[in-house]
């Protein structure tokens, strides 16, 4: 299981990296737009912080421009993985980029069928949008499980990267299902750590110790 953090904030990336559990960072145009920073600055800064892949999404809508953007992203930093939409131009651009061994995969995936087409084109990853699939009236967790099951059955090496994770309940269900990877917001990652009973237990230890000197001072 690989865990990625979905953010463009250097502060959140550094905080997550200090935990030692984050394998890389995913970004998208909406996240970057909220920072008022250039996309290139976000990718370069992120690559300096984390020792793992940085996912950068194309903004173009036609295949030629998607390919141009994807190849351009490779010049920004090492370990950049291009995110392409699950559209006709996106699948064409995926085929062309992967033919040149450019790391690239398919995002905004809403169905098993889209995921299979991406894997047939040797996508580096596919990203089913769990929360947004739920919003559309389908079952995001079930769709993601089916994608993983099909990939395992067919021997696809494409990584199933579950995205649009709304809470720890969804994350835990994906862990139990054996999904290859998930990406989550800093708030969902924080919720993995923060628990009221843990906080109460730590407070109890401190209260029991009282005013005694710290152990290393003895």
N, C-alpha and C. Protein backbone atom coordinates (compact mmCIF):
# COMPACT_ATOMS: atom_id res chain seq x y z
N UNK A 1 0.84 -1.20 0.00
CA UNK A 1 0.00 0.00 0.00
C UNK A 1 0.87 1.24 0.00
N UNK A 2 0.66 2.08 -1.00
CA UNK A 2 1.36 3.36 -1.05
C UNK A 2 0.38 4.47 -0.70
N UNK A 3 0.87 5.43 0.07
CA UNK A 3 0.05 6.56 0.48
C UNK A 3 0.64 7.83 -0.09
N UNK A 4 -0.19 8.57 -0.81
CA UNK A 4 0.21 9.87 -1.35
C UNK A 4 -0.62 10.95 -0.67
N UNK A 5 -0.07 12.16 -0.60
CA UNK A 5 -0.82 13.28 -0.06
C UNK A 5 -1.21 14.19 -1.20
N UNK A 6 -2.45 14.65 -1.16
CA UNK A 6 -3.03 15.43 -2.25
C UNK A 6 -3.06 16.90 -1.86
N UNK A 7 -2.02 17.63 -2.23
CA UNK A 7 -1.90 19.02 -1.82
C UNK A 7 -0.82 19.72 -2.64
N UNK A 8 -0.85 21.05 -2.61
CA UNK A 8 0.21 21.84 -3.23
C UNK A 8 0.89 22.72 -2.19
N UNK A 9 0.57 22.50 -0.92
CA UNK A 9 1.12 23.31 0.17
C UNK A 9 2.46 22.76 0.64
N UNK A 10 3.54 23.52 0.52
CA UNK A 10 4.85 23.05 1.01
C UNK A 10 4.81 22.70 2.49
N UNK A 11 4.07 23.49 3.28
CA UNK A 11 3.99 23.24 4.72
C UNK A 11 3.35 21.88 5.00
N UNK A 12 2.25 21.59 4.32
CA UNK A 12 1.58 20.31 4.52
C UNK A 12 2.44 19.16 4.01
N UNK A 13 3.14 19.38 2.91
CA UNK A 13 4.00 18.32 2.36
C UNK A 13 5.15 18.02 3.31
N UNK A 14 5.76 19.07 3.86
CA UNK A 14 6.87 18.86 4.81
C UNK A 14 6.38 18.15 6.07
N UNK A 15 5.21 18.55 6.56
CA UNK A 15 4.66 17.92 7.76
C UNK A 15 4.38 16.44 7.51
N UNK A 16 3.82 16.12 6.36
CA UNK A 16 3.54 14.72 6.03
C UNK A 16 4.83 13.94 5.83
N UNK A 17 5.81 14.57 5.20
CA UNK A 17 7.08 13.89 4.94
C UNK A 17 7.80 13.54 6.25
N UNK A 18 7.66 14.39 7.26
CA UNK A 18 8.30 14.13 8.54
C UNK A 18 7.74 12.88 9.22
N UNK A 19 6.52 12.50 8.87
CA UNK A 19 5.92 11.30 9.46
C UNK A 19 6.56 10.02 8.92
N UNK A 20 7.16 10.11 7.73
CA UNK A 20 7.82 8.96 7.15
C UNK A 20 6.90 7.94 6.51
N UNK A 21 5.64 8.31 6.27
CA UNK A 21 4.68 7.35 5.72
C UNK A 21 4.17 7.73 4.34
N UNK A 22 4.54 8.90 3.85
CA UNK A 22 4.03 9.39 2.57
C UNK A 22 5.00 9.02 1.45
N UNK A 23 4.47 8.39 0.40
CA UNK A 23 5.31 7.90 -0.69
C UNK A 23 5.43 8.87 -1.85
N UNK A 24 4.64 9.95 -1.86
CA UNK A 24 4.69 10.91 -2.95
C UNK A 24 3.57 11.91 -2.81
N UNK A 25 3.43 12.77 -3.81
CA UNK A 25 2.45 13.85 -3.75
C UNK A 25 1.67 13.91 -5.06
N UNK A 26 0.36 14.06 -4.94
CA UNK A 26 -0.49 14.28 -6.11
C UNK A 26 -0.95 15.74 -6.12
N UNK A 27 -1.04 16.29 -7.31
CA UNK A 27 -1.56 17.66 -7.46
C UNK A 27 -2.60 17.65 -8.58
N UNK A 28 -3.35 18.72 -8.65
CA UNK A 28 -4.24 18.91 -9.79
C UNK A 28 -4.43 20.41 -10.00
N UNK A 29 -4.97 20.83 -11.12
CA UNK A 29 -5.10 22.27 -11.39
C UNK A 29 -5.90 23.02 -10.34
N UNK A 30 -6.94 22.40 -9.77
CA UNK A 30 -7.75 23.09 -8.76
C UNK A 30 -6.93 23.38 -7.50
N UNK A 31 -6.15 22.39 -7.07
CA UNK A 31 -5.33 22.57 -5.88
C UNK A 31 -4.28 23.65 -6.10
N UNK A 32 -3.63 23.60 -7.26
CA UNK A 32 -2.58 24.57 -7.55
C UNK A 32 -3.16 25.97 -7.70
N UNK A 33 -4.33 26.08 -8.32
CA UNK A 33 -4.96 27.39 -8.52
C UNK A 33 -5.23 28.09 -7.20
N UNK A 34 -5.50 27.34 -6.16
CA UNK A 34 -5.77 27.92 -4.85
C UNK A 34 -4.53 28.54 -4.21
N UNK A 35 -3.35 28.23 -4.73
CA UNK A 35 -2.11 28.72 -4.13
C UNK A 35 -1.62 30.02 -4.76
N UNK A 36 -2.13 30.38 -5.93
CA UNK A 36 -1.64 31.54 -6.69
C UNK A 36 -0.17 31.40 -7.05
N UNK A 37 0.31 30.17 -7.15
CA UNK A 37 1.70 29.90 -7.56
C UNK A 37 1.69 29.27 -8.94
N UNK A 38 2.82 29.39 -9.64
CA UNK A 38 2.94 28.73 -10.93
C UNK A 38 2.99 27.22 -10.72
N UNK A 39 2.41 26.49 -11.68
CA UNK A 39 2.41 25.03 -11.57
C UNK A 39 3.85 24.50 -11.49
N UNK A 40 4.73 25.09 -12.29
CA UNK A 40 6.12 24.62 -12.27
C UNK A 40 6.75 24.81 -10.90
N UNK A 41 6.48 25.95 -10.25
CA UNK A 41 7.03 26.19 -8.92
C UNK A 41 6.54 25.14 -7.93
N UNK A 42 5.26 24.81 -8.02
CA UNK A 42 4.70 23.80 -7.12
C UNK A 42 5.38 22.46 -7.31
N UNK A 43 5.54 22.04 -8.55
CA UNK A 43 6.15 20.74 -8.83
C UNK A 43 7.62 20.72 -8.41
N UNK A 44 8.35 21.75 -8.74
CA UNK A 44 9.78 21.80 -8.40
C UNK A 44 9.98 21.81 -6.89
N UNK A 45 9.19 22.60 -6.18
CA UNK A 45 9.32 22.66 -4.73
C UNK A 45 8.95 21.32 -4.09
N UNK A 46 7.88 20.72 -4.58
CA UNK A 46 7.45 19.43 -4.05
C UNK A 46 8.52 18.37 -4.26
N UNK A 47 9.13 18.36 -5.43
CA UNK A 47 10.17 17.37 -5.73
C UNK A 47 11.40 17.53 -4.85
N UNK A 48 11.63 18.74 -4.38
CA UNK A 48 12.75 18.98 -3.47
C UNK A 48 12.47 18.46 -2.06
N UNK A 49 11.19 18.38 -1.72
CA UNK A 49 10.81 17.97 -0.37
C UNK A 49 10.70 16.46 -0.23
N UNK A 50 10.04 15.83 -1.19
CA UNK A 50 9.74 14.40 -1.07
C UNK A 50 10.66 13.56 -1.96
N UNK A 51 10.98 12.39 -1.48
CA UNK A 51 11.77 11.44 -2.25
C UNK A 51 10.81 10.41 -2.84
N UNK A 52 10.00 10.87 -3.77
CA UNK A 52 8.98 10.01 -4.36
C UNK A 52 8.35 10.71 -5.54
N UNK A 53 7.39 10.07 -6.19
CA UNK A 53 6.79 10.66 -7.38
C UNK A 53 5.96 11.90 -7.07
N UNK A 54 5.93 12.81 -8.05
CA UNK A 54 5.09 13.99 -8.00
C UNK A 54 4.17 13.93 -9.21
N UNK A 55 2.88 13.91 -8.98
CA UNK A 55 1.89 13.78 -10.06
C UNK A 55 1.44 15.16 -10.51
N UNK A 56 1.56 15.44 -11.81
CA UNK A 56 1.19 16.75 -12.37
C UNK A 56 0.20 16.54 -13.50
N UNK A 57 -0.92 17.24 -13.44
CA UNK A 57 -2.02 17.03 -14.39
C UNK A 57 -1.98 18.03 -15.54
N UNK A 58 -2.27 17.54 -16.74
CA UNK A 58 -2.31 18.42 -17.91
C UNK A 58 -3.58 19.26 -17.87
N UNK A 59 -3.51 20.43 -18.53
CA UNK A 59 -4.67 21.31 -18.64
C UNK A 59 -5.26 21.33 -20.05
N UNK A 60 -4.47 20.88 -21.02
CA UNK A 60 -4.91 20.89 -22.42
C UNK A 60 -6.10 19.95 -22.62
N UNK A 61 -6.84 20.20 -23.70
CA UNK A 61 -8.02 19.39 -23.99
C UNK A 61 -7.87 18.55 -25.25
N UNK A 62 -6.84 18.80 -26.05
CA UNK A 62 -6.62 17.96 -27.23
C UNK A 62 -5.33 17.16 -27.05
N UNK A 63 -5.24 16.06 -27.76
CA UNK A 63 -4.16 15.10 -27.54
C UNK A 63 -2.78 15.69 -27.80
N UNK A 64 -2.63 16.45 -28.87
CA UNK A 64 -1.31 17.00 -29.19
C UNK A 64 -0.79 17.89 -28.06
N UNK A 65 -1.68 18.75 -27.56
CA UNK A 65 -1.26 19.65 -26.48
C UNK A 65 -1.03 18.90 -25.18
N UNK A 66 -1.82 17.86 -24.93
CA UNK A 66 -1.59 17.04 -23.74
C UNK A 66 -0.21 16.40 -23.79
N UNK A 67 0.15 15.89 -24.96
CA UNK A 67 1.47 15.28 -25.12
C UNK A 67 2.57 16.32 -24.92
N UNK A 68 2.36 17.51 -25.49
CA UNK A 68 3.36 18.57 -25.34
C UNK A 68 3.52 18.96 -23.88
N UNK A 69 2.41 19.14 -23.18
CA UNK A 69 2.49 19.48 -21.77
C UNK A 69 3.14 18.35 -20.96
N UNK A 70 2.74 17.13 -21.23
CA UNK A 70 3.30 16.00 -20.49
C UNK A 70 4.80 15.88 -20.65
N UNK A 71 5.27 16.05 -21.87
CA UNK A 71 6.72 16.00 -22.09
C UNK A 71 7.41 17.18 -21.43
N UNK A 72 6.75 18.35 -21.44
CA UNK A 72 7.33 19.52 -20.79
C UNK A 72 7.45 19.34 -19.29
N UNK A 73 6.48 18.67 -18.68
CA UNK A 73 6.53 18.44 -17.24
C UNK A 73 7.77 17.64 -16.84
N UNK A 74 8.22 16.78 -17.74
CA UNK A 74 9.38 15.95 -17.42
C UNK A 74 10.65 16.77 -17.22
N UNK A 75 10.64 17.99 -17.74
CA UNK A 75 11.81 18.86 -17.60
C UNK A 75 11.81 19.61 -16.27
N UNK A 76 10.70 19.59 -15.56
CA UNK A 76 10.62 20.36 -14.33
C UNK A 76 11.34 19.70 -13.17
N UNK A 77 11.26 18.39 -13.08
CA UNK A 77 11.88 17.67 -11.97
C UNK A 77 11.91 16.19 -12.28
N UNK A 78 12.73 15.46 -11.54
CA UNK A 78 12.75 14.01 -11.67
C UNK A 78 11.50 13.43 -11.00
N UNK A 79 11.13 12.25 -11.41
CA UNK A 79 10.04 11.48 -10.80
C UNK A 79 8.66 12.12 -11.02
N UNK A 80 8.52 12.95 -12.05
CA UNK A 80 7.21 13.52 -12.36
C UNK A 80 6.39 12.48 -13.12
N UNK A 81 5.14 12.28 -12.70
CA UNK A 81 4.21 11.39 -13.39
C UNK A 81 3.07 12.24 -13.93
N UNK A 82 2.79 12.10 -15.21
CA UNK A 82 1.79 12.93 -15.89
C UNK A 82 0.40 12.36 -15.66
N UNK A 83 -0.53 13.24 -15.29
CA UNK A 83 -1.93 12.86 -15.11
C UNK A 83 -2.72 13.30 -16.33
N UNK A 84 -3.42 12.35 -16.94
CA UNK A 84 -4.24 12.62 -18.13
C UNK A 84 -5.69 12.24 -17.84
N UNK A 85 -6.65 13.00 -18.35
CA UNK A 85 -8.05 12.68 -18.07
C UNK A 85 -8.52 11.45 -18.85
N UNK A 86 -9.54 10.80 -18.33
CA UNK A 86 -10.10 9.60 -18.98
C UNK A 86 -11.07 10.02 -20.08
N UNK A 87 -10.51 10.69 -21.09
CA UNK A 87 -11.27 11.15 -22.26
C UNK A 87 -10.63 10.57 -23.51
N UNK A 88 -11.29 10.71 -24.65
CA UNK A 88 -10.68 10.22 -25.90
C UNK A 88 -9.31 10.85 -26.15
N UNK A 89 -9.19 12.18 -26.09
CA UNK A 89 -7.86 12.77 -26.27
C UNK A 89 -6.88 12.30 -25.19
N UNK A 90 -7.39 12.10 -23.96
CA UNK A 90 -6.52 11.64 -22.89
C UNK A 90 -5.96 10.26 -23.14
N UNK A 91 -6.79 9.35 -23.65
CA UNK A 91 -6.31 7.99 -23.95
C UNK A 91 -5.32 8.01 -25.12
N UNK A 92 -5.56 8.86 -26.11
CA UNK A 92 -4.61 8.97 -27.22
C UNK A 92 -3.28 9.50 -26.73
N UNK A 93 -3.33 10.55 -25.90
CA UNK A 93 -2.09 11.12 -25.36
C UNK A 93 -1.36 10.10 -24.49
N UNK A 94 -2.12 9.31 -23.74
CA UNK A 94 -1.52 8.27 -22.90
C UNK A 94 -0.75 7.28 -23.76
N UNK A 95 -1.37 6.82 -24.85
CA UNK A 95 -0.69 5.86 -25.73
C UNK A 95 0.62 6.43 -26.24
N UNK A 96 0.61 7.69 -26.66
CA UNK A 96 1.80 8.30 -27.24
C UNK A 96 2.89 8.53 -26.19
N UNK A 97 2.50 8.99 -25.01
CA UNK A 97 3.50 9.23 -23.97
C UNK A 97 4.11 7.93 -23.46
N UNK A 98 3.29 6.91 -23.27
CA UNK A 98 3.81 5.64 -22.78
C UNK A 98 4.68 4.96 -23.83
N UNK A 99 4.39 5.19 -25.12
CA UNK A 99 5.24 4.64 -26.18
C UNK A 99 6.65 5.21 -26.10
N UNK A 100 6.77 6.41 -25.53
CA UNK A 100 8.08 7.04 -25.34
C UNK A 100 8.59 6.85 -23.92
N UNK A 101 7.97 5.95 -23.18
CA UNK A 101 8.37 5.63 -21.80
C UNK A 101 8.24 6.80 -20.84
N UNK A 102 7.33 7.74 -21.15
CA UNK A 102 7.05 8.83 -20.22
C UNK A 102 6.08 8.31 -19.16
N UNK A 103 6.41 8.42 -17.88
CA UNK A 103 5.49 7.97 -16.84
C UNK A 103 4.19 8.78 -16.90
N UNK A 104 3.08 8.12 -17.12
CA UNK A 104 1.80 8.81 -17.29
C UNK A 104 0.67 7.84 -16.99
N UNK A 105 -0.43 8.40 -16.49
CA UNK A 105 -1.58 7.58 -16.19
C UNK A 105 -2.87 8.35 -16.34
N UNK A 106 -3.95 7.73 -15.94
CA UNK A 106 -5.28 8.27 -16.19
C UNK A 106 -5.98 8.64 -14.90
N UNK A 107 -6.51 9.86 -14.87
CA UNK A 107 -7.20 10.36 -13.70
C UNK A 107 -8.66 10.69 -14.04
N UNK A 108 -9.42 11.08 -13.04
CA UNK A 108 -10.86 11.34 -13.17
C UNK A 108 -11.56 10.09 -13.74
N UNK A 109 -11.19 8.95 -13.19
CA UNK A 109 -11.76 7.67 -13.63
C UNK A 109 -13.05 7.40 -12.85
N UNK A 110 -14.13 7.07 -13.58
CA UNK A 110 -15.42 6.83 -12.96
C UNK A 110 -15.95 5.42 -13.22
N UNK A 111 -15.23 4.60 -13.98
CA UNK A 111 -15.76 3.27 -14.29
C UNK A 111 -14.64 2.26 -14.45
N UNK A 112 -15.01 1.00 -14.30
CA UNK A 112 -14.06 -0.09 -14.53
C UNK A 112 -13.59 -0.07 -15.98
N UNK A 113 -14.51 0.22 -16.90
CA UNK A 113 -14.18 0.19 -18.31
C UNK A 113 -13.11 1.23 -18.67
N UNK A 114 -13.22 2.43 -18.12
CA UNK A 114 -12.19 3.44 -18.35
C UNK A 114 -10.84 2.96 -17.82
N UNK A 115 -10.86 2.35 -16.65
CA UNK A 115 -9.62 1.88 -16.04
C UNK A 115 -8.96 0.80 -16.89
N UNK A 116 -9.77 -0.09 -17.45
CA UNK A 116 -9.23 -1.17 -18.29
C UNK A 116 -8.57 -0.61 -19.54
N UNK A 117 -9.21 0.37 -20.18
CA UNK A 117 -8.61 0.97 -21.37
C UNK A 117 -7.27 1.63 -21.04
N UNK A 118 -7.20 2.27 -19.90
CA UNK A 118 -5.94 2.88 -19.49
C UNK A 118 -4.86 1.82 -19.26
N UNK A 119 -5.22 0.75 -18.58
CA UNK A 119 -4.25 -0.31 -18.31
C UNK A 119 -3.79 -0.98 -19.59
N UNK A 120 -4.69 -1.12 -20.57
CA UNK A 120 -4.30 -1.69 -21.86
C UNK A 120 -3.25 -0.83 -22.56
N UNK A 121 -3.24 0.46 -22.26
CA UNK A 121 -2.24 1.36 -22.82
C UNK A 121 -1.05 1.51 -21.90
N UNK A 122 -0.90 0.57 -20.95
CA UNK A 122 0.27 0.55 -20.06
C UNK A 122 0.34 1.79 -19.18
N UNK A 123 -0.81 2.27 -18.73
CA UNK A 123 -0.82 3.43 -17.84
C UNK A 123 0.00 3.15 -16.59
N UNK A 124 0.73 4.15 -16.14
CA UNK A 124 1.49 4.01 -14.90
C UNK A 124 0.54 3.85 -13.72
N UNK A 125 -0.61 4.51 -13.78
CA UNK A 125 -1.61 4.43 -12.72
C UNK A 125 -2.98 4.74 -13.31
N UNK A 126 -4.02 4.38 -12.58
CA UNK A 126 -5.37 4.88 -12.84
C UNK A 126 -5.91 5.39 -11.52
N UNK A 127 -6.63 6.51 -11.56
CA UNK A 127 -7.13 7.12 -10.33
C UNK A 127 -8.66 7.19 -10.33
N UNK A 128 -9.32 6.16 -9.77
CA UNK A 128 -10.78 6.26 -9.59
C UNK A 128 -11.09 7.26 -8.49
N UNK A 129 -12.09 8.11 -8.73
CA UNK A 129 -12.48 9.16 -7.79
C UNK A 129 -13.57 8.64 -6.86
N UNK A 130 -13.18 8.06 -5.76
CA UNK A 130 -14.11 7.36 -4.88
C UNK A 130 -15.26 8.26 -4.44
N UNK A 131 -14.94 9.41 -3.86
CA UNK A 131 -15.98 10.30 -3.36
C UNK A 131 -16.88 10.83 -4.45
N UNK A 132 -16.28 11.20 -5.57
CA UNK A 132 -17.08 11.76 -6.66
C UNK A 132 -17.93 10.68 -7.34
N UNK A 133 -17.46 9.44 -7.34
CA UNK A 133 -18.29 8.36 -7.86
C UNK A 133 -19.53 8.21 -6.99
N UNK A 134 -19.34 8.30 -5.67
CA UNK A 134 -20.49 8.28 -4.76
C UNK A 134 -21.45 9.42 -5.10
N UNK A 135 -20.90 10.61 -5.33
CA UNK A 135 -21.74 11.77 -5.64
C UNK A 135 -22.56 11.57 -6.91
N UNK A 136 -22.02 10.77 -7.85
CA UNK A 136 -22.72 10.54 -9.11
C UNK A 136 -23.85 9.53 -8.99
N UNK A 137 -23.94 8.90 -7.81
CA UNK A 137 -25.00 7.93 -7.58
C UNK A 137 -24.54 6.49 -7.62
N UNK A 138 -23.27 6.27 -7.97
CA UNK A 138 -22.71 4.90 -7.98
C UNK A 138 -21.97 4.67 -6.66
N UNK A 139 -21.33 3.52 -6.53
CA UNK A 139 -20.62 3.15 -5.31
C UNK A 139 -19.12 3.25 -5.57
N UNK A 140 -18.49 4.28 -5.00
CA UNK A 140 -17.07 4.52 -5.26
C UNK A 140 -16.17 3.42 -4.75
N UNK A 141 -16.44 2.92 -3.56
CA UNK A 141 -15.61 1.86 -3.01
C UNK A 141 -15.75 0.58 -3.82
N UNK A 142 -16.98 0.23 -4.19
CA UNK A 142 -17.21 -0.98 -4.97
C UNK A 142 -16.55 -0.88 -6.35
N UNK A 143 -16.64 0.27 -6.98
CA UNK A 143 -16.02 0.46 -8.29
C UNK A 143 -14.51 0.31 -8.20
N UNK A 144 -13.92 0.88 -7.16
CA UNK A 144 -12.46 0.79 -6.99
C UNK A 144 -12.03 -0.65 -6.70
N UNK A 145 -12.81 -1.35 -5.89
CA UNK A 145 -12.50 -2.76 -5.62
C UNK A 145 -12.56 -3.58 -6.91
N UNK A 146 -13.55 -3.32 -7.73
CA UNK A 146 -13.69 -4.07 -9.00
C UNK A 146 -12.51 -3.78 -9.92
N UNK A 147 -12.08 -2.54 -9.97
CA UNK A 147 -10.91 -2.20 -10.80
C UNK A 147 -9.70 -2.98 -10.32
N UNK A 148 -9.47 -3.00 -9.01
CA UNK A 148 -8.33 -3.74 -8.47
C UNK A 148 -8.45 -5.23 -8.78
N UNK A 149 -9.66 -5.77 -8.66
CA UNK A 149 -9.88 -7.19 -8.92
C UNK A 149 -9.60 -7.53 -10.39
N UNK A 150 -10.06 -6.69 -11.30
CA UNK A 150 -9.83 -6.91 -12.72
C UNK A 150 -8.33 -6.82 -13.03
N UNK A 151 -7.66 -5.84 -12.49
CA UNK A 151 -6.23 -5.68 -12.75
C UNK A 151 -5.46 -6.89 -12.25
N UNK A 152 -5.81 -7.37 -11.06
CA UNK A 152 -5.13 -8.54 -10.51
C UNK A 152 -5.40 -9.77 -11.36
N UNK A 153 -6.65 -9.92 -11.82
CA UNK A 153 -7.02 -11.09 -12.62
C UNK A 153 -6.32 -11.08 -13.97
N UNK A 154 -6.17 -9.90 -14.55
CA UNK A 154 -5.57 -9.78 -15.88
C UNK A 154 -4.05 -9.61 -15.84
N UNK A 155 -3.50 -9.42 -14.68
CA UNK A 155 -2.05 -9.25 -14.57
C UNK A 155 -1.56 -7.88 -14.99
N UNK A 156 -2.43 -6.88 -14.97
CA UNK A 156 -2.01 -5.52 -15.30
C UNK A 156 -1.05 -5.00 -14.22
N UNK A 157 -0.01 -4.32 -14.64
CA UNK A 157 0.94 -3.74 -13.69
C UNK A 157 0.57 -2.30 -13.32
N UNK A 158 -0.44 -1.76 -13.93
CA UNK A 158 -0.90 -0.41 -13.65
C UNK A 158 -1.34 -0.29 -12.19
N UNK A 159 -0.88 0.77 -11.53
CA UNK A 159 -1.23 0.99 -10.13
C UNK A 159 -2.65 1.55 -10.01
N UNK A 160 -3.44 0.97 -9.11
CA UNK A 160 -4.75 1.52 -8.80
C UNK A 160 -4.55 2.55 -7.68
N UNK A 161 -4.77 3.81 -8.01
CA UNK A 161 -4.54 4.91 -7.09
C UNK A 161 -5.88 5.56 -6.74
N UNK A 162 -6.47 5.16 -5.64
CA UNK A 162 -7.78 5.68 -5.24
C UNK A 162 -7.65 7.14 -4.82
N UNK A 163 -8.50 7.99 -5.40
CA UNK A 163 -8.48 9.43 -5.11
C UNK A 163 -9.85 9.88 -4.63
N UNK A 164 -9.95 11.17 -4.30
CA UNK A 164 -11.20 11.73 -3.78
C UNK A 164 -11.64 10.96 -2.54
N UNK A 165 -10.72 10.82 -1.59
CA UNK A 165 -10.99 10.13 -0.34
C UNK A 165 -11.52 11.15 0.66
N UNK A 166 -12.72 10.95 1.15
CA UNK A 166 -13.39 11.95 1.98
C UNK A 166 -13.12 11.77 3.47
N UNK A 167 -12.80 10.56 3.91
CA UNK A 167 -12.67 10.31 5.35
C UNK A 167 -11.88 9.03 5.60
N UNK A 168 -11.58 8.78 6.87
CA UNK A 168 -10.80 7.59 7.22
C UNK A 168 -11.58 6.30 7.04
N UNK A 169 -12.91 6.38 7.09
CA UNK A 169 -13.72 5.18 6.87
C UNK A 169 -13.49 4.65 5.45
N UNK A 170 -13.50 5.55 4.48
CA UNK A 170 -13.21 5.15 3.10
C UNK A 170 -11.79 4.63 2.98
N UNK A 171 -10.84 5.32 3.61
CA UNK A 171 -9.45 4.90 3.53
C UNK A 171 -9.27 3.49 4.09
N UNK A 172 -9.87 3.22 5.23
CA UNK A 172 -9.74 1.90 5.85
C UNK A 172 -10.35 0.80 4.98
N UNK A 173 -11.48 1.09 4.37
CA UNK A 173 -12.11 0.11 3.48
C UNK A 173 -11.20 -0.20 2.30
N UNK A 174 -10.48 0.80 1.80
CA UNK A 174 -9.56 0.59 0.69
C UNK A 174 -8.34 -0.21 1.14
N UNK A 175 -7.87 0.05 2.35
CA UNK A 175 -6.76 -0.76 2.89
C UNK A 175 -7.18 -2.22 2.96
N UNK A 176 -8.38 -2.46 3.50
CA UNK A 176 -8.88 -3.84 3.65
C UNK A 176 -9.03 -4.53 2.30
N UNK A 177 -9.35 -3.76 1.27
CA UNK A 177 -9.57 -4.33 -0.06
C UNK A 177 -8.27 -4.61 -0.80
N UNK A 178 -7.15 -4.16 -0.25
CA UNK A 178 -5.86 -4.40 -0.90
C UNK A 178 -5.60 -3.51 -2.09
N UNK A 179 -6.18 -2.30 -2.08
CA UNK A 179 -5.94 -1.36 -3.17
C UNK A 179 -4.47 -0.95 -3.17
N UNK A 180 -3.90 -0.81 -4.36
CA UNK A 180 -2.46 -0.53 -4.48
C UNK A 180 -2.04 0.74 -3.76
N UNK A 181 -2.82 1.82 -3.91
CA UNK A 181 -2.41 3.11 -3.37
C UNK A 181 -3.62 4.00 -3.18
N UNK A 182 -3.48 4.97 -2.27
CA UNK A 182 -4.52 5.98 -2.13
C UNK A 182 -3.85 7.34 -1.98
N UNK A 183 -4.56 8.38 -2.37
CA UNK A 183 -4.10 9.74 -2.12
C UNK A 183 -5.17 10.46 -1.32
N UNK A 184 -4.73 11.23 -0.35
CA UNK A 184 -5.67 11.87 0.57
C UNK A 184 -5.23 13.29 0.89
N UNK A 185 -6.18 14.09 1.32
CA UNK A 185 -5.88 15.45 1.72
C UNK A 185 -5.12 15.44 3.05
N UNK A 186 -4.45 16.54 3.38
CA UNK A 186 -3.78 16.62 4.68
C UNK A 186 -4.74 16.40 5.85
N UNK A 187 -5.98 16.86 5.72
CA UNK A 187 -6.93 16.69 6.82
C UNK A 187 -7.29 15.22 7.06
N UNK A 188 -7.42 14.45 5.99
CA UNK A 188 -7.70 13.02 6.16
C UNK A 188 -6.48 12.30 6.73
N UNK A 189 -5.28 12.71 6.31
CA UNK A 189 -4.07 12.12 6.89
C UNK A 189 -3.99 12.45 8.38
N UNK A 190 -4.30 13.69 8.74
CA UNK A 190 -4.29 14.08 10.15
C UNK A 190 -5.28 13.22 10.95
N UNK A 191 -6.43 12.93 10.35
CA UNK A 191 -7.44 12.14 11.03
C UNK A 191 -6.99 10.70 11.27
N UNK A 192 -5.99 10.25 10.51
CA UNK A 192 -5.40 8.94 10.77
C UNK A 192 -4.67 8.93 12.12
N UNK A 193 -4.18 10.08 12.51
CA UNK A 193 -3.34 10.19 13.71
C UNK A 193 -4.16 10.59 14.93
N UNK A 194 -4.96 11.63 14.78
CA UNK A 194 -5.67 12.22 15.91
C UNK A 194 -6.84 11.35 16.36
N UNK A 195 -6.83 10.98 17.65
CA UNK A 195 -7.93 10.22 18.22
C UNK A 195 -8.14 10.71 19.65
N UNK A 196 -9.37 11.00 20.04
CA UNK A 196 -9.60 11.56 21.38
C UNK A 196 -9.14 10.64 22.51
N UNK A 197 -9.25 9.33 22.33
CA UNK A 197 -8.83 8.42 23.39
C UNK A 197 -7.31 8.40 23.53
N UNK A 198 -6.60 8.53 22.41
CA UNK A 198 -5.14 8.62 22.49
C UNK A 198 -4.74 9.88 23.24
N UNK A 199 -5.38 11.00 22.89
CA UNK A 199 -5.09 12.27 23.56
C UNK A 199 -5.38 12.17 25.06
N UNK A 200 -6.49 11.53 25.42
CA UNK A 200 -6.84 11.38 26.83
C UNK A 200 -5.83 10.49 27.56
N UNK A 201 -5.37 9.45 26.88
CA UNK A 201 -4.39 8.55 27.49
C UNK A 201 -3.08 9.26 27.76
N UNK A 202 -2.62 10.04 26.78
CA UNK A 202 -1.36 10.78 26.95
C UNK A 202 -1.51 11.80 28.09
N UNK A 203 -2.66 12.46 28.14
CA UNK A 203 -2.90 13.42 29.22
C UNK A 203 -2.87 12.73 30.58
N UNK A 204 -3.40 11.51 30.63
CA UNK A 204 -3.38 10.75 31.87
C UNK A 204 -1.98 10.39 32.32
N UNK A 205 -1.12 10.01 31.37
CA UNK A 205 0.26 9.70 31.71
C UNK A 205 0.96 10.93 32.31
N UNK A 206 0.75 12.08 31.64
CA UNK A 206 1.38 13.32 32.11
C UNK A 206 0.89 13.68 33.51
N UNK A 207 -0.41 13.50 33.75
CA UNK A 207 -0.98 13.82 35.05
C UNK A 207 -0.42 12.90 36.13
N UNK A 208 -0.26 11.60 35.81
CA UNK A 208 0.27 10.65 36.78
C UNK A 208 1.72 10.96 37.13
N UNK A 209 2.48 11.46 36.13
CA UNK A 209 3.89 11.77 36.38
C UNK A 209 4.02 13.00 37.26
N UNK A 210 3.10 13.92 37.09
CA UNK A 210 3.08 15.10 37.94
C UNK A 210 4.26 16.02 37.74
N UNK A 211 4.81 16.50 38.86
CA UNK A 211 5.90 17.48 38.82
C UNK A 211 7.28 16.85 38.87
N UNK A 212 7.36 15.54 38.72
CA UNK A 212 8.67 14.90 38.76
C UNK A 212 9.55 15.40 37.61
N UNK A 213 10.86 15.31 37.79
CA UNK A 213 11.79 15.70 36.73
C UNK A 213 11.66 14.75 35.55
N UNK A 214 11.93 15.22 34.33
CA UNK A 214 11.91 14.34 33.16
C UNK A 214 12.86 13.18 33.34
N UNK A 215 12.58 12.01 32.73
CA UNK A 215 13.41 10.82 32.92
C UNK A 215 14.90 11.04 32.65
N UNK A 216 15.24 11.79 31.62
CA UNK A 216 16.66 11.96 31.31
C UNK A 216 17.39 12.85 32.30
N UNK A 217 16.65 13.52 33.15
CA UNK A 217 17.31 14.39 34.14
C UNK A 217 17.66 13.62 35.41
N UNK A 218 17.20 12.38 35.51
CA UNK A 218 17.45 11.59 36.73
C UNK A 218 18.90 11.10 36.79
